[in-house]
C-alpha atoms as a PDB file:
ATOM      1  CA  MET A   1      -6.709 -15.397 -26.582  1.00  0.00           C
ATOM      2  CA  ASP A   2      -5.749 -15.948 -22.837  1.00  0.00           C
ATOM      3  CA  LEU A   3      -3.707 -13.792 -20.640  1.00  0.00           C
ATOM      4  CA  HIS A   4      -0.467 -15.615 -21.263  1.00  0.00           C
ATOM      5  CA  ASP A   5      -0.902 -15.043 -25.065  1.00  0.00           C
ATOM      6  CA  THR A   6      -1.885 -11.542 -24.659  1.00  0.00           C
ATOM      7  CA  LEU A   7       1.152 -10.837 -22.551  1.00  0.00           C
ATOM      8  CA  ALA A   8       3.342 -12.550 -25.061  1.00  0.00           C
ATOM      9  CA  CYS A   9       1.792 -10.444 -27.917  1.00  0.00           C
ATOM     10  CA  ILE A  10       2.601  -7.323 -25.699  1.00  0.00           C
ATOM     11  CA  ALA A  11       6.071  -8.270 -25.354  1.00  0.00           C
ATOM     12  CA  HIS A  12       6.644  -8.783 -29.103  1.00  0.00           C
ATOM     13  CA  ASP A  13       5.097  -5.354 -29.755  1.00  0.00           C
ATOM     14  CA  ARG A  14       7.996  -3.906 -27.643  1.00  0.00           C
ATOM     15  CA  LEU A  15       5.869  -1.895 -25.300  1.00  0.00           C
ATOM     16  CA  SER A  16       7.723  -0.253 -22.468  1.00  0.00           C
ATOM     17  CA  ARG A  17       6.885  -1.182 -18.707  1.00  0.00           C
ATOM     18  CA  ALA A  18       5.156   2.004 -18.365  1.00  0.00           C
ATOM     19  CA  GLU A  19       3.127   1.327 -21.515  1.00  0.00           C
ATOM     20  CA  PHE A  20       2.512  -2.117 -20.601  1.00  0.00           C
ATOM     21  CA  LEU A  21       1.353  -1.103 -17.091  1.00  0.00           C
ATOM     22  CA  LYS A  22      -1.068   1.543 -18.435  1.00  0.00           C
ATOM     23  CA  LEU A  23      -2.578  -1.033 -20.759  1.00  0.00           C
ATOM     24  CA  LEU A  24      -2.862  -3.591 -17.998  1.00  0.00           C
ATOM     25  CA  ALA A  25      -4.542  -0.957 -15.824  1.00  0.00           C
ATOM     26  CA  GLY A  26      -6.846  -0.106 -18.700  1.00  0.00           C
ATOM     27  CA  GLY A  27      -8.209  -2.360 -21.526  1.00  0.00           C
ATOM     28  CA  LEU A  28      -6.442  -5.454 -20.435  1.00  0.00           C
ATOM     29  CA  ALA A  29      -7.455  -5.236 -16.674  1.00  0.00           C
ATOM     30  CA  LEU A  30     -11.002  -4.594 -17.861  1.00  0.00           C
ATOM     31  CA  ALA A  31     -10.898  -7.826 -20.182  1.00  0.00           C
ATOM     32  CA  CYS A  32      -9.797  -9.757 -17.129  1.00  0.00           C
ATOM     33  CA  GLY A  33     -12.376  -8.315 -14.851  1.00  0.00           C
ATOM     34  CA  GLY A  34      -9.995  -5.627 -13.384  1.00  0.00           C
ATOM     35  CA  ALA A  35      -6.534  -5.816 -11.843  1.00  0.00           C
ATOM     36  CA  ARG A  36      -7.643  -8.442  -9.416  1.00  0.00           C
ATOM     37  CA  GLY A  37      -8.811 -10.701 -12.384  1.00  0.00           C
ATOM     38  CA  ALA A  38      -5.324 -10.065 -14.086  1.00  0.00           C
ATOM     39  CA  ALA A  39      -3.497 -10.891 -10.823  1.00  0.00           C
ATOM     40  CA  ALA A  40      -5.458 -14.211 -10.159  1.00  0.00           C
ATOM     41  CA  ALA A  41      -5.346 -15.577 -13.918  1.00  0.00           C
ATOM     42  CA  GLN A  42      -2.441 -18.052 -13.179  1.00  0.00           C
ATOM     43  CA  PRO A  43      -1.053 -19.373  -9.898  1.00  0.00           C
ATOM     44  CA  VAL A  44       2.141 -17.676  -8.439  1.00  0.00           C
ATOM     45  CA  LEU A  45       5.176 -19.769  -7.844  1.00  0.00           C
ATOM     46  CA  THR A  46       5.605 -21.054  -4.328  1.00  0.00           C
ATOM     47  CA  ARG A  47       8.986 -21.938  -2.617  1.00  0.00           C
ATOM     48  CA  PRO A  48       9.484 -23.829   0.705  1.00  0.00           C
ATOM     49  CA  VAL A  49      11.012 -22.518   3.838  1.00  0.00           C
ATOM     50  CA  PRO A  50      13.785 -25.150   4.169  1.00  0.00           C
ATOM     51  CA  LYS A  51      13.674 -25.486   7.935  1.00  0.00           C
ATOM     52  CA  SER A  52       9.922 -26.099   8.038  1.00  0.00           C
ATOM     53  CA  GLY A  53       8.669 -26.812   4.450  1.00  0.00           C
ATOM     54  CA  GLU A  54       6.094 -23.948   4.886  1.00  0.00           C
ATOM     55  CA  ALA A  55       5.220 -22.803   1.279  1.00  0.00           C
ATOM     56  CA  LEU A  56       5.576 -19.005   0.539  1.00  0.00           C
ATOM     57  CA  ARG A  57       4.707 -17.342  -2.673  1.00  0.00           C
ATOM     58  CA  ALA A  58       8.022 -16.315  -4.276  1.00  0.00           C
ATOM     59  CA  ILE A  59       6.931 -12.505  -4.548  1.00  0.00           C
ATOM     60  CA  GLY A  60       6.293 -10.488  -1.500  1.00  0.00           C
ATOM     61  CA  LEU A  61       6.286  -6.785  -0.488  1.00  0.00           C
ATOM     62  CA  GLY A  62       9.188  -4.499   0.868  1.00  0.00           C
ATOM     63  CA  THR A  63       7.861  -1.360   2.672  1.00  0.00           C
ATOM     64  CA  TRP A  64      11.039   0.770   2.759  1.00  0.00           C
ATOM     65  CA  GLN A  65       9.732   4.415   1.683  1.00  0.00           C
ATOM     66  CA  THR A  66       6.701   3.093   0.074  1.00  0.00           C
ATOM     67  CA  PHE A  67       4.486   2.503   3.145  1.00  0.00           C
ATOM     68  CA  ASP A  68       6.146   5.381   5.081  1.00  0.00           C
ATOM     69  CA  ILE A  69       3.089   7.567   4.943  1.00  0.00           C
ATOM     70  CA  GLY A  70       0.772   9.630   7.124  1.00  0.00           C
ATOM     71  CA  GLY A  71      -3.073   9.412   7.510  1.00  0.00           C
ATOM     72  CA  ASP A  72      -3.935  10.720   4.082  1.00  0.00           C
ATOM     73  CA  ALA A  73      -6.988   8.522   3.077  1.00  0.00           C
ATOM     74  CA  GLU A  74      -6.227   8.332  -0.544  1.00  0.00           C
ATOM     75  CA  GLU A  75      -2.654   7.265  -0.013  1.00  0.00           C
ATOM     76  CA  ARG A  76      -3.777   4.504   2.375  1.00  0.00           C
ATOM     77  CA  ALA A  77      -6.252   3.342   0.009  1.00  0.00           C
ATOM     78  CA  LEU A  78      -3.528   2.637  -2.552  1.00  0.00           C
ATOM     79  CA  ARG A  79      -1.482   0.647  -0.147  1.00  0.00           C
ATOM     80  CA  ARG A  80      -4.539  -1.247   0.945  1.00  0.00           C
ATOM     81  CA  GLU A  81      -5.225  -2.112  -2.484  1.00  0.00           C
ATOM     82  CA  VAL A  82      -1.479  -3.257  -2.882  1.00  0.00           C
ATOM     83  CA  LEU A  83      -1.955  -5.573   0.095  1.00  0.00           C
ATOM     84  CA  GLU A  84      -5.209  -6.959  -1.226  1.00  0.00           C
ATOM     85  CA  LEU A  85      -3.675  -7.783  -4.557  1.00  0.00           C
ATOM     86  CA  LEU A  86      -0.818  -9.584  -2.870  1.00  0.00           C
ATOM     87  CA  PHE A  87      -3.169 -11.689  -0.683  1.00  0.00           C
ATOM     88  CA  GLU A  88      -5.605 -12.382  -3.646  1.00  0.00           C
ATOM     89  CA  ALA A  89      -2.782 -13.853  -5.394  1.00  0.00           C
ATOM     90  CA  GLY A  90      -1.822 -16.052  -2.483  1.00  0.00           C
ATOM     91  CA  GLY A  91       1.265 -13.953  -1.394  1.00  0.00           C
ATOM     92  CA  SER A  92       1.815 -13.027   2.198  1.00  0.00           C
ATOM     93  CA  VAL A  93       5.358 -11.932   2.869  1.00  0.00           C
ATOM     94  CA  ILE A  94       5.469  -8.272   3.979  1.00  0.00           C
ATOM     95  CA  ASP A  95       9.032  -7.000   5.067  1.00  0.00           C
ATOM     96  CA  SER A  96       9.508  -3.845   7.204  1.00  0.00           C
ATOM     97  CA  SER A  97      11.760  -2.591   9.710  1.00  0.00           C
ATOM     98  CA  PRO A  98      11.814   0.249  12.658  1.00  0.00           C
ATOM     99  CA  MET A  99      14.123   2.198  10.341  1.00  0.00           C
ATOM    100  CA  TYR A 100      11.331   2.525   7.662  1.00  0.00           C
ATOM    101  CA  GLY A 101       9.748   5.359   9.510  1.00  0.00           C
ATOM    102  CA  ARG A 102       5.861   4.723   9.823  1.00  0.00           C
ATOM    103  CA  SER A 103       5.827   1.538   7.660  1.00  0.00           C
ATOM    104  CA  GLU A 104       5.090  -0.759  10.416  1.00  0.00           C
ATOM    105  CA  ALA A 105       2.251   1.152  11.885  1.00  0.00           C
ATOM    106  CA  VAL A 106       0.672   1.696   8.396  1.00  0.00           C
ATOM    107  CA  VAL A 107       0.951  -2.168   7.761  1.00  0.00           C
ATOM    108  CA  GLY A 108      -0.570  -2.781  11.083  1.00  0.00           C
ATOM    109  CA  ASP A 109      -3.393  -0.219  10.688  1.00  0.00           C
ATOM    110  CA  LEU A 110      -4.340  -1.771   7.319  1.00  0.00           C
ATOM    111  CA  LEU A 111      -4.166  -5.274   8.231  1.00  0.00           C
ATOM    112  CA  ALA A 112      -6.469  -4.465  11.233  1.00  0.00           C
ATOM    113  CA  GLU A 113      -9.004  -2.708   8.869  1.00  0.00           C
ATOM    114  CA  MET A 114      -8.837  -5.559   6.484  1.00  0.00           C
ATOM    115  CA  GLY A 115      -9.107  -8.184   9.054  1.00  0.00           C
ATOM    116  CA  ALA A 116      -6.048  -9.872   7.373  1.00  0.00           C
ATOM    117  CA  ARG A 117      -3.426 -10.394  10.012  1.00  0.00           C
ATOM    118  CA  ASP A 118      -3.797 -14.206   9.508  1.00  0.00           C
ATOM    119  CA  ARG A 119      -3.086 -13.597   5.827  1.00  0.00           C
ATOM    120  CA  ALA A 120       0.308 -11.834   6.214  1.00  0.00           C
ATOM    121  CA  PHE A 121       3.679 -13.392   6.801  1.00  0.00           C
ATOM    122  CA  LEU A 122       4.990 -10.460   8.949  1.00  0.00           C
ATOM    123  CA  ALA A 123       8.828  -9.799   8.715  1.00  0.00           C
ATOM    124  CA  THR A 124      10.643  -6.905  10.591  1.00  0.00           C
ATOM    125  CA  LYS A 125      13.783  -6.271  12.014  1.00  0.00           C
ATOM    126  CA  VAL A 126      15.735  -5.141  15.168  1.00  0.00           C
ATOM    127  CA  TRP A 127      18.180  -2.283  14.559  1.00  0.00           C
ATOM    128  CA  THR A 128      19.701  -0.912  17.691  1.00  0.00           C
ATOM    129  CA  ARG A 129      22.502  -2.032  20.175  1.00  0.00           C
ATOM    130  CA  GLY A 130      22.106  -3.711  23.579  1.00  0.00           C
ATOM    131  CA  ARG A 131      19.881  -6.403  24.872  1.00  0.00           C
ATOM    132  CA  GLU A 132      17.357  -4.201  26.733  1.00  0.00           C
ATOM    133  CA  GLN A 133      17.131  -1.721  23.719  1.00  0.00           C
ATOM    134  CA  GLY A 134      16.669  -4.517  21.240  1.00  0.00           C
ATOM    135  CA  ILE A 135      13.865  -6.090  23.352  1.00  0.00           C
ATOM    136  CA  ALA A 136      12.120  -2.593  23.659  1.00  0.00           C
ATOM    137  CA  GLN A 137      12.382  -1.958  19.788  1.00  0.00           C
ATOM    138  CA  MET A 138      10.928  -5.332  19.120  1.00  0.00           C
ATOM    139  CA  GLU A 139       8.094  -4.937  21.533  1.00  0.00           C
ATOM    140  CA  ARG A 140       7.266  -1.642  19.730  1.00  0.00           C
ATOM    141  CA  SER A 141       7.172  -3.361  16.422  1.00  0.00           C
ATOM    142  CA  LEU A 142       4.552  -5.894  17.816  1.00  0.00           C
ATOM    143  CA  SER A 143       2.575  -3.036  18.936  1.00  0.00           C
ATOM    144  CA  ARG A 144       2.864  -1.205  15.654  1.00  0.00           C
ATOM    145  CA  PHE A 145       1.750  -4.238  13.779  1.00  0.00           C
ATOM    146  CA  ARG A 146      -1.027  -4.887  16.308  1.00  0.00           C
ATOM    147  CA  THR A 147      -0.048  -8.547  16.846  1.00  0.00           C
ATOM    148  CA  GLU A 148       1.357 -10.628  19.710  1.00  0.00           C
ATOM    149  CA  ARG A 149       3.627 -12.822  17.435  1.00  0.00           C
ATOM    150  CA  LEU A 150       5.690 -12.176  14.317  1.00  0.00           C
ATOM    151  CA  ASP A 151       6.625 -14.614  11.652  1.00  0.00           C
ATOM    152  CA  LEU A 152      10.023 -13.505  11.152  1.00  0.00           C
ATOM    153  CA  MET A 153      12.266 -11.362  13.046  1.00  0.00           C
ATOM    154  CA  GLN A 154      15.679 -10.366  11.535  1.00  0.00           C
ATOM    155  CA  ILE A 155      18.865  -8.627  12.872  1.00  0.00           C
ATOM    156  CA  HIS A 156      19.120  -5.491  10.495  1.00  0.00           C
ATOM    157  CA  ASN A 157      22.392  -4.970   8.790  1.00  0.00           C
ATOM    158  CA  LEU A 158      23.949  -7.322  11.510  1.00  0.00           C
ATOM    159  CA  VAL A 159      23.988  -4.621  14.176  1.00  0.00           C
ATOM    160  CA  ASP A 160      25.087  -6.237  17.460  1.00  0.00           C
ATOM    161  CA  TRP A 161      23.998  -9.511  15.980  1.00  0.00           C
ATOM    162  CA  ARG A 162      25.534 -11.664  18.743  1.00  0.00           C
ATOM    163  CA  THR A 163      23.495  -9.879  21.359  1.00  0.00           C
ATOM    164  CA  HIS A 164      20.370  -9.916  19.501  1.00  0.00           C
ATOM    165  CA  LEU A 165      20.600 -13.510  18.313  1.00  0.00           C
ATOM    166  CA  LYS A 166      20.468 -14.823  21.765  1.00  0.00           C
ATOM    167  CA  THR A 167      17.206 -12.708  22.436  1.00  0.00           C
ATOM    168  CA  LEU A 168      15.670 -14.113  19.178  1.00  0.00           C
ATOM    169  CA  ARG A 169      16.447 -17.671  20.126  1.00  0.00           C
ATOM    170  CA  ALA A 170      14.602 -17.116  23.402  1.00  0.00           C
ATOM    171  CA  TRP A 171      11.622 -15.332  21.631  1.00  0.00           C
ATOM    172  CA  LYS A 172      11.494 -18.245  19.130  1.00  0.00           C
ATOM    173  CA  GLU A 173      11.341 -20.872  21.936  1.00  0.00           C
ATOM    174  CA  GLN A 174       8.430 -18.732  23.750  1.00  0.00           C
ATOM    175  CA  GLY A 175       6.588 -18.537  20.475  1.00  0.00           C
ATOM    176  CA  ARG A 176       6.922 -14.910  20.137  1.00  0.00           C
ATOM    177  CA  ILE A 177       8.393 -15.277  16.694  1.00  0.00           C
ATOM    178  CA  ARG A 178       8.349 -18.191  14.401  1.00  0.00           C
ATOM    179  CA  TYR A 179      11.473 -17.689  12.584  1.00  0.00           C
ATOM    180  CA  LEU A 180      14.641 -15.685  13.097  1.00  0.00           C
ATOM    181  CA  GLY A 181      17.081 -14.210  10.438  1.00  0.00           C
ATOM    182  CA  ILE A 182      19.897 -11.760   9.461  1.00  0.00           C
ATOM    183  CA  THR A 183      19.990  -9.171   6.816  1.00  0.00           C
ATOM    184  CA  HIS A 184      22.178  -6.597   4.945  1.00  0.00           C
ATOM    185  CA  TYR A 185      22.045  -4.735   1.760  1.00  0.00           C
ATOM    186  CA  THR A 186      25.545  -4.331   0.609  1.00  0.00           C
ATOM    187  CA  THR A 187      27.740  -6.573  -1.332  1.00  0.00           C
ATOM    188  CA  GLY A 188      30.500  -5.987   1.077  1.00  0.00           C
ATOM    189  CA  ALA A 189      28.586  -7.826   3.831  1.00  0.00           C
ATOM    190  CA  LEU A 190      28.009 -11.035   1.937  1.00  0.00           C
ATOM    191  CA  ASP A 191      30.824 -12.619   3.300  1.00  0.00           C
ATOM    192  CA  ASP A 192      29.791 -11.859   6.801  1.00  0.00           C
ATOM    193  CA  LEU A 193      26.353 -13.172   6.252  1.00  0.00           C
ATOM    194  CA  ALA A 194      27.812 -16.447   4.869  1.00  0.00           C
ATOM    195  CA  ARG A 195      30.161 -16.862   7.925  1.00  0.00           C
ATOM    196  CA  ILE A 196      27.150 -16.473  10.363  1.00  0.00           C
ATOM    197  CA  ILE A 197      25.025 -18.970   8.511  1.00  0.00           C
ATOM    198  CA  GLU A 198      27.798 -21.346   8.387  1.00  0.00           C
ATOM    199  CA  ARG A 199      28.089 -21.209  12.198  1.00  0.00           C
ATOM    200  CA  GLU A 200      24.759 -20.391  13.604  1.00  0.00           C
ATOM    201  CA  PRO A 201      21.174 -22.016  13.155  1.00  0.00           C
ATOM    202  CA  ILE A 202      19.701 -19.309  11.010  1.00  0.00           C
ATOM    203  CA  ASP A 203      16.053 -19.607   9.330  1.00  0.00           C
ATOM    204  CA  PHE A 204      16.373 -16.689   6.940  1.00  0.00           C
ATOM    205  CA  VAL A 205      19.012 -14.400   5.476  1.00  0.00           C
ATOM    206  CA  GLN A 206      18.092 -11.376   3.548  1.00  0.00           C
ATOM    207  CA  PHE A 207      20.332  -9.655   0.905  1.00  0.00           C
ATOM    208  CA  ALA A 208      20.594  -7.642  -2.392  1.00  0.00           C
ATOM    209  CA  TYR A 209      20.601  -9.689  -5.569  1.00  0.00           C
ATOM    210  CA  SER A 210      19.621  -8.628  -9.083  1.00  0.00           C
ATOM    211  CA  LEU A 211      20.769  -8.817 -12.662  1.00  0.00           C
ATOM    212  CA  SER A 212      23.188  -6.000 -12.142  1.00  0.00           C
ATOM    213  CA  VAL A 213      24.468  -7.207  -8.675  1.00  0.00           C
ATOM    214  CA  ARG A 214      25.156 -10.938  -8.842  1.00  0.00           C
ATOM    215  CA  GLN A 215      27.676 -11.317  -6.273  1.00  0.00           C
ATOM    216  CA  ALA A 216      25.473 -13.419  -4.250  1.00  0.00           C
ATOM    217  CA  GLU A 217      25.665 -16.216  -6.840  1.00  0.00           C
ATOM    218  CA  GLN A 218      29.303 -16.860  -6.038  1.00  0.00           C
ATOM    219  CA  ARG A 219      28.975 -18.057  -2.476  1.00  0.00           C
ATOM    220  CA  LEU A 220      25.922 -16.980  -0.353  1.00  0.00           C
ATOM    221  CA  LEU A 221      23.103 -18.524  -2.568  1.00  0.00           C
ATOM    222  CA  PRO A 222      24.837 -21.873  -2.846  1.00  0.00           C
ATOM    223  CA  LEU A 223      25.644 -21.835   1.041  1.00  0.00           C
ATOM    224  CA  ALA A 224      22.133 -21.091   1.944  1.00  0.00           C
ATOM    225  CA  ALA A 225      20.992 -23.970  -0.197  1.00  0.00           C
ATOM    226  CA  GLU A 226      23.389 -26.173   1.358  1.00  0.00           C
ATOM    227  CA  ARG A 227      22.635 -24.981   4.905  1.00  0.00           C
ATOM    228  CA  GLY A 228      18.802 -25.084   4.440  1.00  0.00           C
ATOM    229  CA  VAL A 229      18.469 -21.239   4.956  1.00  0.00           C
ATOM    230  CA  ALA A 230      15.470 -19.473   3.317  1.00  0.00           C
ATOM    231  CA  THR A 231      16.354 -16.322   1.346  1.00  0.00           C
ATOM    232  CA  LEU A 232      14.694 -13.006   1.037  1.00  0.00           C
ATOM    233  CA  ILE A 233      15.829 -10.785  -1.845  1.00  0.00           C
ATOM    234  CA  ASN A 234      15.985  -6.955  -1.482  1.00  0.00           C
ATOM    235  CA  ARG A 235      16.914  -4.301  -3.987  1.00  0.00           C
ATOM    236  CA  PRO A 236      15.749  -6.551  -6.932  1.00  0.00           C
ATOM    237  CA  TYR A 237      15.558  -3.296  -9.045  1.00  0.00           C
ATOM    238  CA  GLU A 238      18.618  -1.403  -7.426  1.00  0.00           C
ATOM    239  CA  LYS A 239      16.472   1.424  -6.344  1.00  0.00           C
ATOM    240  CA  GLY A 240      15.098   1.901  -9.866  1.00  0.00           C
ATOM    241  CA  SER A 241      18.693   1.987 -11.546  1.00  0.00           C
ATOM    242  CA  LEU A 242      17.758  -1.011 -13.661  1.00  0.00           C
ATOM    243  CA  PHE A 243      14.879   0.624 -15.203  1.00  0.00           C
ATOM    244  CA  ARG A 244      16.811   3.835 -15.944  1.00  0.00           C
ATOM    245  CA  ALA A 245      19.469   1.629 -17.756  1.00  0.00           C
ATOM    246  CA  VAL A 246      16.822   0.264 -20.210  1.00  0.00           C
ATOM    247  CA  ARG A 247      14.716   3.515 -20.840  1.00  0.00           C
ATOM    248  CA  GLY A 248      14.169   3.585 -24.530  1.00  0.00           C
ATOM    249  CA  GLU A 249      15.234  -0.105 -24.949  1.00  0.00           C
ATOM    250  CA  ALA A 250      12.741  -2.527 -26.416  1.00  0.00           C
ATOM    251  CA  LEU A 251      12.122  -5.561 -24.420  1.00  0.00           C
ATOM    252  CA  PRO A 252      13.779  -8.468 -26.385  1.00  0.00           C
ATOM    253  CA  GLU A 253      11.330 -10.716 -28.350  1.00  0.00           C
ATOM    254  CA  TRP A 254      12.812 -13.754 -26.779  1.00  0.00           C
ATOM    255  CA  ALA A 255      11.758 -12.728 -23.316  1.00  0.00           C
ATOM    256  CA  ALA A 256       8.121 -13.830 -24.308  1.00  0.00           C
ATOM    257  CA  ASP A 257       9.461 -17.458 -24.586  1.00  0.00           C
ATOM    258  CA  PHE A 258       9.365 -17.493 -20.713  1.00  0.00           C
ATOM    259  CA  GLY A 259       6.391 -15.241 -20.410  1.00  0.00           C
ATOM    260  CA  CYS A 260       8.013 -12.058 -19.814  1.00  0.00           C
ATOM    261  CA  ALA A 261       5.855  -9.103 -20.684  1.00  0.00           C
ATOM    262  CA  SER A 262       7.945  -6.151 -19.129  1.00  0.00           C
ATOM    263  CA  TRP A 263      11.301  -5.079 -17.964  1.00  0.00           C
ATOM    264  CA  GLY A 264      10.165  -5.406 -14.347  1.00  0.00           C
ATOM    265  CA  GLN A 265       9.214  -9.106 -14.870  1.00  0.00           C
ATOM    266  CA  PHE A 266      12.509  -9.577 -16.846  1.00  0.00           C
ATOM    267  CA  PHE A 267      14.512  -8.442 -13.919  1.00  0.00           C
ATOM    268  CA  LEU A 268      12.461 -10.583 -11.358  1.00  0.00           C
ATOM    269  CA  LYS A 269      12.374 -13.622 -13.380  1.00  0.00           C
ATOM    270  CA  TYR A 270      16.079 -13.676 -13.538  1.00  0.00           C
ATOM    271  CA  ILE A 271      16.311 -13.593  -9.728  1.00  0.00           C
ATOM    272  CA  LEU A 272      13.418 -16.174  -9.360  1.00  0.00           C
ATOM    273  CA  ALA A 273      15.164 -18.623 -11.750  1.00  0.00           C
ATOM    274  CA  HIS A 274      17.854 -19.170  -9.065  1.00  0.00           C
ATOM    275  CA  PRO A 275      16.576 -22.015  -6.975  1.00  0.00           C
ATOM    276  CA  ALA A 276      18.065 -21.011  -3.781  1.00  0.00           C
ATOM    277  CA  VAL A 277      15.780 -17.840  -3.831  1.00  0.00           C
ATOM    278  CA  THR A 278      12.835 -18.090  -1.585  1.00  0.00           C
ATOM    279  CA  CYS A 279      11.017 -14.879  -1.999  1.00  0.00           C
ATOM    280  CA  VAL A 280      11.700 -11.471  -3.703  1.00  0.00           C
ATOM    281  CA  ILE A 281      10.384  -8.369  -1.764  1.00  0.00           C
ATOM    282  CA  PRO A 282      10.256  -5.401  -4.279  1.00  0.00           C
ATOM    283  CA  GLY A 283       8.664  -2.292  -2.585  1.00  0.00           C
ATOM    284  CA  THR A 284       5.676  -0.543  -4.201  1.00  0.00           C
ATOM    285  CA  SER A 285       3.011   1.868  -3.313  1.00  0.00           C
ATOM    286  CA  LYS A 286       1.235   1.282  -6.743  1.00  0.00           C
ATOM    287  CA  PRO A 287      -1.315  -1.460  -7.452  1.00  0.00           C
ATOM    288  CA  ARG A 288      -0.358  -1.857 -11.130  1.00  0.00           C
ATOM    289  CA  HIS A 289       3.152  -2.493 -10.074  1.00  0.00           C
ATOM    290  CA  MET A 290       2.026  -5.149  -7.674  1.00  0.00           C
ATOM    291  CA  VAL A 291       0.178  -6.767 -10.373  1.00  0.00           C
ATOM    292  CA  ASP A 292       3.245  -6.567 -12.675  1.00  0.00           C
ATOM    293  CA  ASN A 293       5.547  -7.929 -10.016  1.00  0.00           C
ATOM    294  CA  LEU A 294       3.198 -10.730  -9.407  1.00  0.00           C
ATOM    295  CA  GLY A 295       3.294 -11.675 -12.934  1.00  0.00           C
ATOM    296  CA  ALA A 296       6.946 -12.503 -12.952  1.00  0.00           C
ATOM    297  CA  ALA A 297       6.266 -15.544 -10.536  1.00  0.00           C
ATOM    298  CA  ARG A 298       3.687 -16.800 -13.179  1.00  0.00           C
ATOM    299  CA  GLY A 299       4.465 -19.255 -15.955  1.00  0.00           C
ATOM    300  CA  ARG A 300       7.857 -20.681 -16.978  1.00  0.00           C
ATOM    301  CA  LEU A 301      11.191 -19.228 -15.589  1.00  0.00           C
ATOM    302  CA  PRO A 302      14.332 -18.718 -17.681  1.00  0.00           C
ATOM    303  CA  ASP A 303      16.473 -21.763 -17.991  1.00  0.00           C
ATOM    304  CA  ALA A 304      20.474 -21.580 -17.377  1.00  0.00           C
ATOM    305  CA  GLY A 305      21.105 -20.706 -21.125  1.00  0.00           C
ATOM    306  CA  GLU A 306      18.296 -18.015 -21.022  1.00  0.00           C
ATOM    307  CA  ARG A 307      19.717 -16.470 -17.696  1.00  0.00           C
ATOM    308  CA  ARG A 308      23.211 -16.352 -19.494  1.00  0.00           C
ATOM    309  CA  ARG A 309      21.574 -14.414 -22.340  1.00  0.00           C
ATOM    310  CA  MET A 310      19.753 -12.083 -19.954  1.00  0.00           C
ATOM    311  CA  VAL A 311      23.212 -11.379 -18.473  1.00  0.00           C
ATOM    312  CA  GLU A 312      24.981 -10.711 -21.847  1.00  0.00           C
ATOM    313  CA  LEU A 313      22.111  -8.376 -22.888  1.00  0.00           C
ATOM    314  CA  TRP A 314      22.436  -6.502 -19.629  1.00  0.00           C
ATOM    315  CA  GLN A 315      26.248  -6.141 -20.034  1.00  0.00           C
ATOM    316  CA  SER A 316      25.727  -4.952 -23.728  1.00  0.00           C
ATOM    317  CA  LEU A 317      23.532  -2.018 -22.530  1.00  0.00           C
END
């Protein structure tokens, strides 16, 4: 029995996500040669950056809270393993921000230890007011990441976006960043994001989108596809509220039809099935969760009818 068949059987047995992950970290991982073997069993979905055609794996890594740690060797070893699993699956996108405490510095330290800067697509944000303050903050981010160039710089929550956008354009021309973007995490800001990408040459837009928060489907996702703007999806689990809603609920048997073996994969596959989604960036500090997240971008994605069924199931909970 191959990994896909094994995962399908697990789904039919109606294991919870926690039970599935425990098994994956134990017997299943051993059968596949450890967590790395499980993670590398099938290719991970890639999506192109519309403005360049660059291929990115559709699952990345967010660092809010999860990488805001000190120097504890054991904690850092766990984050290093998360990064190793991401890279070994061909993933690269790591998203951070100056507002995420020590996350930028921790990522920079680990990439330096691993000699893995070239394997990472580093995305961070500017989150302050004023041109000079913005430049100073971005310089600090470069220093913390231990790099001279970033892949993506984003204007965090649209703070003073007109001022920073001018700087980002200059930095892009100078080769200090490869892409520029804008972000927000509230549904109330979706129209603002849409208005900006209608009027400005933006490479990336980052926003919240999940099975429970689907407003981006109405305007922003179609518009991003039309304007050739790559999308990064934050809050795919809505800070864990999706898992709390299905606690004690069995994963539906029909989820195995599109290779879904856990609730986490169920939630991520719904997002990934939208063709305008470039990359989803769930945050985690746990290697077994990284394995599970990557599994959502393997195998078939739900079709339109299955996505409607997923929404109906969610609404029935």
